[in-house]
N, C-alpha and C. Protein backbone atom coordinates (compact mmCIF):
# COMPACT_ATOMS: atom_id res chain seq x y z
N UNK A 1 0.96 -1.31 -0.44
CA UNK A 1 -0.25 0.14 0.07
C UNK A 1 0.52 1.62 0.24
N UNK A 2 0.49 2.21 -0.39
CA UNK A 2 1.38 2.67 -1.00
C UNK A 2 0.85 4.70 0.00
N UNK A 3 1.29 5.41 0.47
CA UNK A 3 1.27 6.04 1.33
C UNK A 3 0.53 7.55 0.82
N UNK A 4 0.00 7.92 0.60
CA UNK A 4 0.09 9.66 -0.04
C UNK A 4 1.27 10.52 0.79
N UNK A 5 1.98 11.44 -0.19
CA UNK A 5 2.87 11.75 1.20
C UNK A 5 1.99 13.56 0.88
N UNK A 6 1.99 14.21 1.82
CA UNK A 6 1.38 15.43 2.22
C UNK A 6 1.98 16.07 1.99
N UNK A 7 2.48 17.81 2.20
CA UNK A 7 3.50 18.32 2.13
C UNK A 7 3.55 18.99 3.13
N UNK A 8 3.12 18.62 4.71
CA UNK A 8 2.98 18.72 5.82
C UNK A 8 3.92 17.80 6.53
N UNK A 9 4.44 16.44 5.40
CA UNK A 9 4.35 15.71 5.93
C UNK A 9 7.07 15.57 6.81
N UNK A 10 7.31 16.46 5.62
CA UNK A 10 8.76 16.60 5.34
C UNK A 10 9.02 17.75 7.08
N UNK A 11 8.24 17.98 7.41
CA UNK A 11 9.04 20.00 8.36
C UNK A 11 7.63 18.51 10.13
N UNK A 12 6.68 18.44 9.41
CA UNK A 12 6.35 16.95 10.61
C UNK A 12 7.50 16.01 11.32
N UNK A 13 8.09 15.23 9.81
CA UNK A 13 9.06 14.00 10.07
C UNK A 13 10.35 15.04 11.04
N UNK A 14 10.58 16.13 10.02
CA UNK A 14 12.26 16.86 10.64
C UNK A 14 11.84 16.90 12.23
N UNK A 15 10.74 18.06 12.55
CA UNK A 15 10.02 18.54 14.19
C UNK A 15 10.33 17.46 15.01
N UNK A 16 9.54 15.42 14.80
CA UNK A 16 9.72 14.71 15.28
C UNK A 16 11.27 14.25 15.27
N UNK A 17 12.21 14.25 14.40
CA UNK A 17 13.86 14.00 14.49
C UNK A 17 14.43 14.87 15.39
N UNK A 18 14.18 15.96 15.11
CA UNK A 18 14.34 17.23 16.19
C UNK A 18 14.38 17.03 17.63
N UNK A 19 12.69 16.33 18.17
CA UNK A 19 12.64 15.45 19.92
C UNK A 19 13.35 15.07 20.15
N UNK A 20 13.46 13.75 19.38
CA UNK A 20 14.75 12.51 19.14
C UNK A 20 16.16 12.59 19.59
N UNK A 21 16.46 13.25 19.15
CA UNK A 21 18.20 14.06 19.64
C UNK A 21 18.79 14.76 20.38
N UNK A 22 17.10 15.53 20.85
CA UNK A 22 17.55 17.02 22.08
C UNK A 22 18.74 16.22 22.80
N UNK A 23 19.07 17.33 23.28
CA UNK A 23 19.92 16.66 24.59
C UNK A 23 19.10 17.52 26.27
N UNK A 24 19.94 16.49 26.79
CA UNK A 24 19.25 16.56 27.95
C UNK A 24 18.69 17.85 28.73
N UNK A 25 18.11 18.72 29.56
CA UNK A 25 17.51 19.92 29.55
C UNK A 25 18.70 20.14 31.55
N UNK A 26 19.06 19.15 31.74
CA UNK A 26 19.76 19.70 32.59
C UNK A 26 19.60 20.17 33.99
N UNK A 27 17.40 20.56 33.47
CA UNK A 27 17.11 21.33 35.37
C UNK A 27 16.41 20.80 36.18
N UNK A 28 15.65 21.34 37.44
CA UNK A 28 15.08 21.14 37.73
C UNK A 28 13.39 21.48 37.99
N UNK A 29 12.72 21.03 38.58
CA UNK A 29 11.11 20.53 38.81
C UNK A 29 10.95 20.48 39.95
N UNK A 30 10.40 22.64 40.57
CA UNK A 30 10.83 22.72 42.13
C UNK A 30 9.95 22.34 42.87
N UNK A 31 9.56 22.46 44.42
CA UNK A 31 8.46 21.67 44.37
C UNK A 31 7.32 21.88 44.53
N UNK A 32 6.62 22.88 44.10
CA UNK A 32 5.79 23.15 43.91
C UNK A 32 4.82 22.27 43.23
N UNK A 33 6.01 22.16 41.49
CA UNK A 33 5.10 22.06 40.87
C UNK A 33 4.78 20.25 41.12
N UNK A 34 5.07 20.16 41.47
CA UNK A 34 4.49 18.41 42.07
C UNK A 34 3.96 18.80 42.48
N UNK A 35 4.05 19.79 43.31
CA UNK A 35 1.90 19.45 43.77
C UNK A 35 1.08 19.80 43.11
N UNK A 36 1.56 20.89 41.87
CA UNK A 36 0.36 21.85 40.64
C UNK A 36 0.26 20.81 40.16
N UNK A 37 0.56 19.50 40.29
CA UNK A 37 1.20 18.32 38.72
C UNK A 37 0.17 17.60 38.92
N UNK A 38 0.11 17.12 40.67
CA UNK A 38 -0.99 16.07 41.68
C UNK A 38 -2.31 17.27 41.89
N UNK A 39 -2.08 18.38 41.64
CA UNK A 39 -3.66 19.08 41.89
C UNK A 39 -3.87 18.54 40.34
N UNK A 40 -3.62 19.14 38.90
CA UNK A 40 -4.35 18.52 38.15
C UNK A 40 -4.36 17.77 37.01
N UNK A 41 -3.92 16.71 38.12
CA UNK A 41 -4.11 14.96 37.75
C UNK A 41 -5.68 14.89 38.52
N UNK A 42 -4.97 15.61 39.43
CA UNK A 42 -6.36 14.51 40.95
C UNK A 42 -7.77 15.89 40.15
N UNK A 43 -7.66 17.03 39.26
CA UNK A 43 -8.66 17.69 39.27
C UNK A 43 -9.24 17.44 38.22
N UNK A 44 -8.02 16.49 36.72
CA UNK A 44 -9.01 16.07 35.90
C UNK A 44 -9.72 15.10 35.65
N UNK A 45 -8.94 14.19 36.82
CA UNK A 45 -9.98 12.55 37.08
C UNK A 45 -11.03 13.62 37.87
N UNK A 46 -11.64 13.85 38.70
CA UNK A 46 -12.71 14.21 39.37
C UNK A 46 -13.62 14.77 38.09
N UNK A 47 -13.17 15.67 37.46
CA UNK A 47 -14.20 16.63 36.85
C UNK A 47 -14.54 15.59 35.37
N UNK A 48 -14.00 14.96 35.36
CA UNK A 48 -13.81 13.23 33.97
C UNK A 48 -14.96 12.36 35.15
N UNK A 49 -14.69 12.80 36.01
CA UNK A 49 -15.86 11.39 36.88
C UNK A 49 -17.04 12.50 37.29
N UNK A 50 -17.03 13.47 37.11
CA UNK A 50 -18.26 14.67 37.41
C UNK A 50 -19.16 15.12 35.87
N UNK A 51 -18.39 15.21 34.89
CA UNK A 51 -18.70 14.92 33.83
C UNK A 51 -19.81 13.33 33.99
N UNK A 52 -18.89 12.58 33.32
CA UNK A 52 -19.71 10.68 33.18
C UNK A 52 -21.17 11.00 34.09
N UNK A 53 -20.82 11.30 35.43
CA UNK A 53 -21.78 11.33 35.96
C UNK A 53 -23.38 12.02 35.56
N UNK A 54 -22.39 12.66 35.75
CA UNK A 54 -23.91 14.40 34.51
C UNK A 54 -24.15 14.22 33.05
N UNK A 55 -23.38 13.92 32.29
CA UNK A 55 -23.34 14.43 30.59
C UNK A 55 -23.39 12.73 30.26
N UNK A 56 -22.59 12.16 31.33
CA UNK A 56 -22.32 11.18 30.10
C UNK A 56 -23.71 9.68 30.29
N UNK A 57 -24.43 9.45 31.27
CA UNK A 57 -25.45 8.60 30.92
C UNK A 57 -25.78 7.86 29.86
N UNK A 58 -25.67 8.24 28.77
CA UNK A 58 -25.68 7.42 27.83
C UNK A 58 -24.83 6.38 27.11
N UNK A 59 -23.71 7.25 27.32
CA UNK A 59 -22.63 5.83 26.74
C UNK A 59 -22.99 4.59 28.42
N UNK A 60 -23.40 4.70 29.43
CA UNK A 60 -23.07 3.18 29.28
C UNK A 60 -25.03 2.90 30.20
N UNK A 61 -25.99 3.86 29.34
CA UNK A 61 -27.41 3.70 29.69
C UNK A 61 -27.81 2.32 28.80
N UNK A 62 -27.95 1.45 28.66
CA UNK A 62 -29.05 0.10 28.17
C UNK A 62 -29.97 0.75 27.54
N UNK A 63 -30.21 -0.28 26.22
CA UNK A 63 -31.81 0.58 25.50
C UNK A 63 -33.17 -0.91 26.41
N UNK A 64 -33.39 0.33 26.76
CA UNK A 64 -34.73 -0.16 27.82
C UNK A 64 -35.43 -1.63 26.40
N UNK A 65 -36.01 -3.18 26.72
CA UNK A 65 -36.57 -3.62 25.95
C UNK A 65 -38.19 -3.45 26.06
N UNK A 66 -38.76 -3.53 24.92
CA UNK A 66 -40.42 -3.76 25.55
C UNK A 66 -41.33 -5.08 25.06
N UNK A 67 -40.32 -5.21 26.74
CA UNK A 67 -40.91 -6.83 26.98
C UNK A 67 -42.64 -6.52 27.63
N UNK A 68 -43.01 -5.78 27.85
CA UNK A 68 -44.60 -5.25 28.71
C UNK A 68 -45.28 -5.37 27.14
N UNK A 69 -45.11 -4.74 25.99
CA UNK A 69 -46.15 -5.26 25.54
C UNK A 69 -45.73 -6.07 24.69
N UNK A 70 -45.46 -6.20 25.08
CA UNK A 70 -45.63 -8.33 24.45
C UNK A 70 -46.08 -9.10 24.56
N UNK A 71 -46.80 -9.27 26.35
CA UNK A 71 -47.55 -9.69 27.70
C UNK A 71 -48.92 -9.03 27.11
């Protein structure tokens, strides 16, 4: 199978190649960043659970069968 090459393909490959060969930053993460990252992760998880509870009921709902009409 031959994949078509889009005009953006060379620039995308160049960016990906650049990310692979970059040198280490030799930087540190200050202590406040860890707690902020933890808060961000927990907030995202809890926000997702709340969204599913409020708006995502259709994801887990089953179609009701019409057994009552057959009786």
